[in-house]
């Protein structure tokens, strides 16, 4: 069969316009958090590969502790940090 299926996802998730663009401050927080997560995750994996212990026992603890650290640095709540992360991630995916 040569059926053709077309899915228009934009109508389902909504269109993102410039009014949805995160502020420079939110972009800065996102970048700092994202980079720190990547760096620390790499260090954790390197330690695990070498059979060594690291300051975080697993990815969940790492993400939780890094989140607290970043929230404290920018004087925001962990919930606000999570909201910023999601908003910027969605914006960057557009």
N, C-alpha and C. Protein backbone atom coordinates (compact mmCIF):
# COMPACT_ATOMS: atom_id res chain seq x y z
N UNK A 1 0.85 -1.18 0.00
CA UNK A 1 0.00 0.00 0.00
C UNK A 1 0.89 1.24 0.00
N UNK A 2 0.43 2.28 -0.64
CA UNK A 2 1.23 3.51 -0.69
C UNK A 2 0.49 4.66 -0.01
N UNK A 3 -0.07 4.39 1.15
CA UNK A 3 -0.76 5.42 1.91
C UNK A 3 0.24 6.46 2.39
N UNK A 4 -0.18 7.71 2.43
CA UNK A 4 0.68 8.80 2.89
C UNK A 4 0.05 9.40 4.14
N UNK A 5 0.83 9.47 5.19
CA UNK A 5 0.36 10.05 6.44
C UNK A 5 1.08 11.36 6.68
N UNK A 6 0.33 12.39 6.97
CA UNK A 6 0.92 13.70 7.25
C UNK A 6 0.44 14.13 8.63
N UNK A 7 1.37 14.50 9.46
CA UNK A 7 1.05 14.96 10.81
C UNK A 7 1.48 16.42 10.95
N UNK A 8 0.56 17.25 11.39
CA UNK A 8 0.88 18.65 11.62
C UNK A 8 0.93 18.88 13.13
N UNK A 9 2.11 18.79 13.68
CA UNK A 9 2.28 18.84 15.12
C UNK A 9 2.15 20.26 15.67
N UNK A 10 2.54 21.28 14.91
CA UNK A 10 2.49 22.64 15.42
C UNK A 10 1.11 23.02 15.94
N UNK A 11 0.05 22.60 15.25
CA UNK A 11 -1.29 22.93 15.72
C UNK A 11 -1.60 22.27 17.05
N UNK A 12 -0.97 21.16 17.33
CA UNK A 12 -1.23 20.43 18.57
C UNK A 12 -0.50 21.04 19.76
N UNK A 13 0.73 21.48 19.55
CA UNK A 13 1.52 22.00 20.67
C UNK A 13 1.53 23.52 20.72
N UNK A 14 1.01 24.16 19.71
CA UNK A 14 0.97 25.62 19.70
C UNK A 14 2.18 26.19 19.01
N UNK A 15 2.02 27.37 18.52
CA UNK A 15 3.12 28.06 17.88
C UNK A 15 3.87 28.90 18.91
N UNK A 16 5.16 28.94 18.78
CA UNK A 16 5.99 29.73 19.69
C UNK A 16 6.41 30.99 18.94
N UNK A 17 6.08 32.14 19.50
CA UNK A 17 6.49 33.37 18.85
C UNK A 17 7.48 34.12 19.74
N UNK A 18 7.87 35.31 19.31
CA UNK A 18 8.89 36.07 20.05
C UNK A 18 8.45 36.43 21.46
N UNK A 19 7.15 36.49 21.71
CA UNK A 19 6.70 36.80 23.07
C UNK A 19 7.03 35.66 24.04
N UNK A 20 7.30 34.48 23.49
CA UNK A 20 7.67 33.34 24.33
C UNK A 20 9.18 33.24 24.54
N UNK A 21 9.93 34.15 23.95
CA UNK A 21 11.39 34.11 24.10
C UNK A 21 11.78 34.37 25.55
N UNK A 22 12.60 33.49 26.11
CA UNK A 22 13.05 33.70 27.50
C UNK A 22 13.91 34.96 27.60
N UNK A 23 13.91 35.57 28.77
CA UNK A 23 14.73 36.75 29.01
C UNK A 23 16.21 36.35 28.99
N UNK A 24 17.07 37.35 28.85
CA UNK A 24 18.51 37.09 28.89
C UNK A 24 18.90 36.44 30.22
N UNK A 25 18.28 36.88 31.29
CA UNK A 25 18.56 36.33 32.61
C UNK A 25 18.20 34.84 32.65
N UNK A 26 17.05 34.47 32.11
CA UNK A 26 16.65 33.07 32.10
C UNK A 26 17.55 32.23 31.20
N UNK A 27 17.98 32.81 30.09
CA UNK A 27 18.91 32.10 29.21
C UNK A 27 20.24 31.86 29.91
N UNK A 28 20.70 32.86 30.67
CA UNK A 28 21.96 32.76 31.40
C UNK A 28 21.85 31.66 32.48
N UNK A 29 20.74 31.66 33.21
CA UNK A 29 20.54 30.64 34.24
C UNK A 29 20.50 29.24 33.61
N UNK A 30 19.76 29.11 32.52
CA UNK A 30 19.68 27.83 31.81
C UNK A 30 21.07 27.36 31.38
N UNK A 31 21.84 28.24 30.75
CA UNK A 31 23.16 27.86 30.26
C UNK A 31 24.07 27.43 31.40
N UNK A 32 24.04 28.18 32.50
CA UNK A 32 24.89 27.83 33.64
C UNK A 32 24.49 26.46 34.19
N UNK A 33 23.20 26.25 34.40
CA UNK A 33 22.69 24.99 34.94
C UNK A 33 23.00 23.82 34.00
N UNK A 34 22.71 24.01 32.73
CA UNK A 34 22.92 22.94 31.75
C UNK A 34 24.40 22.57 31.64
N UNK A 35 25.27 23.56 31.58
CA UNK A 35 26.71 23.29 31.49
C UNK A 35 27.23 22.59 32.74
N UNK A 36 26.76 23.05 33.91
CA UNK A 36 27.20 22.43 35.16
C UNK A 36 26.72 20.97 35.24
N UNK A 37 25.49 20.72 34.82
CA UNK A 37 24.99 19.35 34.79
C UNK A 37 25.84 18.47 33.88
N UNK A 38 26.17 18.97 32.71
CA UNK A 38 26.99 18.19 31.77
C UNK A 38 28.38 17.92 32.33
N UNK A 39 29.01 18.95 32.88
CA UNK A 39 30.36 18.78 33.44
C UNK A 39 30.38 17.76 34.58
N UNK A 40 29.43 17.92 35.50
CA UNK A 40 29.40 17.03 36.66
C UNK A 40 29.00 15.61 36.27
N UNK A 41 28.12 15.47 35.29
CA UNK A 41 27.74 14.14 34.82
C UNK A 41 28.95 13.44 34.19
N UNK A 42 29.72 14.18 33.40
CA UNK A 42 30.95 13.61 32.81
C UNK A 42 31.90 13.15 33.91
N UNK A 43 32.07 13.97 34.95
CA UNK A 43 32.97 13.61 36.05
C UNK A 43 32.47 12.38 36.79
N UNK A 44 31.15 12.32 37.00
CA UNK A 44 30.56 11.16 37.67
C UNK A 44 30.82 9.89 36.86
N UNK A 45 30.58 9.94 35.55
CA UNK A 45 30.79 8.77 34.70
C UNK A 45 32.26 8.37 34.66
N UNK A 46 33.15 9.36 34.61
CA UNK A 46 34.58 9.07 34.62
C UNK A 46 34.97 8.34 35.91
N UNK A 47 34.45 8.82 37.04
CA UNK A 47 34.75 8.19 38.33
C UNK A 47 34.18 6.77 38.37
N UNK A 48 32.95 6.61 37.89
CA UNK A 48 32.34 5.28 37.87
C UNK A 48 33.14 4.33 36.98
N UNK A 49 33.56 4.80 35.82
CA UNK A 49 34.34 3.97 34.91
C UNK A 49 35.67 3.54 35.52
N UNK A 50 36.23 4.43 36.36
CA UNK A 50 37.52 4.13 37.00
C UNK A 50 37.34 3.36 38.31
N UNK A 51 36.09 3.09 38.67
CA UNK A 51 35.83 2.37 39.91
C UNK A 51 36.01 3.22 41.16
N UNK A 52 35.93 4.53 40.99
CA UNK A 52 36.13 5.45 42.11
C UNK A 52 34.79 6.02 42.57
N UNK A 53 34.78 6.48 43.82
CA UNK A 53 33.57 7.15 44.30
C UNK A 53 33.65 8.62 43.92
N UNK A 54 32.49 9.26 43.87
CA UNK A 54 32.42 10.68 43.53
C UNK A 54 31.48 11.34 44.51
N UNK A 55 31.48 12.66 44.53
CA UNK A 55 30.65 13.36 45.52
C UNK A 55 29.16 13.11 45.33
N UNK A 56 28.75 12.64 44.16
CA UNK A 56 27.36 12.26 43.92
C UNK A 56 27.35 10.76 43.65
N UNK A 57 26.39 10.06 44.24
CA UNK A 57 26.35 8.61 44.06
C UNK A 57 25.72 8.19 42.74
N UNK A 58 24.81 9.03 42.21
CA UNK A 58 24.16 8.70 40.94
C UNK A 58 23.63 9.97 40.28
N UNK A 59 23.03 9.79 39.10
CA UNK A 59 22.55 10.93 38.32
C UNK A 59 21.42 11.69 39.03
N UNK A 60 20.57 10.96 39.74
CA UNK A 60 19.46 11.61 40.44
C UNK A 60 19.97 12.55 41.54
N UNK A 61 20.91 12.06 42.33
CA UNK A 61 21.48 12.90 43.39
C UNK A 61 22.21 14.09 42.78
N UNK A 62 22.95 13.83 41.71
CA UNK A 62 23.69 14.90 41.03
C UNK A 62 22.72 16.00 40.57
N UNK A 63 21.66 15.61 39.89
CA UNK A 63 20.71 16.59 39.37
C UNK A 63 20.05 17.38 40.51
N UNK A 64 19.69 16.68 41.57
CA UNK A 64 19.05 17.34 42.72
C UNK A 64 19.99 18.35 43.38
N UNK A 65 21.22 17.93 43.63
CA UNK A 65 22.19 18.81 44.31
C UNK A 65 22.61 19.99 43.44
N UNK A 66 22.84 19.74 42.16
CA UNK A 66 23.21 20.82 41.25
C UNK A 66 22.05 21.82 41.14
N UNK A 67 20.82 21.30 41.10
CA UNK A 67 19.65 22.17 41.06
C UNK A 67 19.58 23.08 42.27
N UNK A 68 19.82 22.52 43.45
CA UNK A 68 19.82 23.34 44.68
C UNK A 68 20.91 24.40 44.63
N UNK A 69 22.10 23.99 44.17
CA UNK A 69 23.24 24.92 44.10
C UNK A 69 22.93 26.09 43.15
N UNK A 70 22.38 25.78 41.99
CA UNK A 70 22.09 26.83 41.00
C UNK A 70 20.95 27.72 41.50
N UNK A 71 19.92 27.12 42.10
CA UNK A 71 18.81 27.91 42.64
C UNK A 71 19.32 28.88 43.71
N UNK A 72 20.20 28.40 44.58
CA UNK A 72 20.77 29.27 45.62
C UNK A 72 21.62 30.38 45.00
N UNK A 73 22.41 30.04 44.00
CA UNK A 73 23.28 31.04 43.35
C UNK A 73 22.47 32.18 42.77
N UNK A 74 21.33 31.86 42.16
CA UNK A 74 20.51 32.90 41.51
C UNK A 74 19.34 33.35 42.38
N UNK A 75 19.30 32.90 43.64
CA UNK A 75 18.27 33.30 44.59
C UNK A 75 16.87 33.05 44.06
N UNK A 76 16.66 31.84 43.56
CA UNK A 76 15.35 31.41 43.07
C UNK A 76 15.04 30.06 43.71
N UNK A 77 13.79 29.63 43.60
CA UNK A 77 13.43 28.31 44.12
C UNK A 77 13.79 27.23 43.10
N UNK A 78 13.81 26.01 43.57
CA UNK A 78 14.07 24.88 42.66
C UNK A 78 12.94 24.78 41.63
N UNK A 79 11.72 25.07 42.04
CA UNK A 79 10.58 25.06 41.12
C UNK A 79 10.76 26.11 40.03
N UNK A 80 11.21 27.31 40.42
CA UNK A 80 11.47 28.37 39.43
C UNK A 80 12.56 27.93 38.45
N UNK A 81 13.60 27.28 38.98
CA UNK A 81 14.68 26.79 38.12
C UNK A 81 14.14 25.75 37.14
N UNK A 82 13.32 24.84 37.62
CA UNK A 82 12.74 23.82 36.74
C UNK A 82 11.87 24.47 35.66
N UNK A 83 11.09 25.49 36.04
CA UNK A 83 10.24 26.19 35.08
C UNK A 83 11.08 26.91 34.03
N UNK A 84 12.17 27.55 34.46
CA UNK A 84 13.08 28.23 33.53
C UNK A 84 13.69 27.21 32.58
N UNK A 85 14.13 26.09 33.11
CA UNK A 85 14.78 25.06 32.29
C UNK A 85 13.83 24.56 31.20
N UNK A 86 12.60 24.28 31.60
CA UNK A 86 11.61 23.79 30.63
C UNK A 86 11.30 24.85 29.59
N UNK A 87 11.08 26.10 30.02
CA UNK A 87 10.74 27.18 29.09
C UNK A 87 11.85 27.37 28.06
N UNK A 88 13.09 27.41 28.52
CA UNK A 88 14.21 27.64 27.59
C UNK A 88 14.40 26.43 26.69
N UNK A 89 14.26 25.23 27.24
CA UNK A 89 14.42 24.02 26.43
C UNK A 89 13.38 24.00 25.30
N UNK A 90 12.14 24.31 25.63
CA UNK A 90 11.07 24.33 24.62
C UNK A 90 11.38 25.40 23.57
N UNK A 91 11.83 26.56 24.03
CA UNK A 91 12.15 27.64 23.10
C UNK A 91 13.29 27.23 22.16
N UNK A 92 14.32 26.59 22.69
CA UNK A 92 15.46 26.19 21.86
C UNK A 92 15.10 25.08 20.87
N UNK A 93 14.05 24.33 21.17
CA UNK A 93 13.65 23.23 20.29
C UNK A 93 12.81 23.73 19.11
N UNK A 94 12.37 24.96 19.18
CA UNK A 94 11.46 25.44 18.09
C UNK A 94 12.16 25.58 16.77
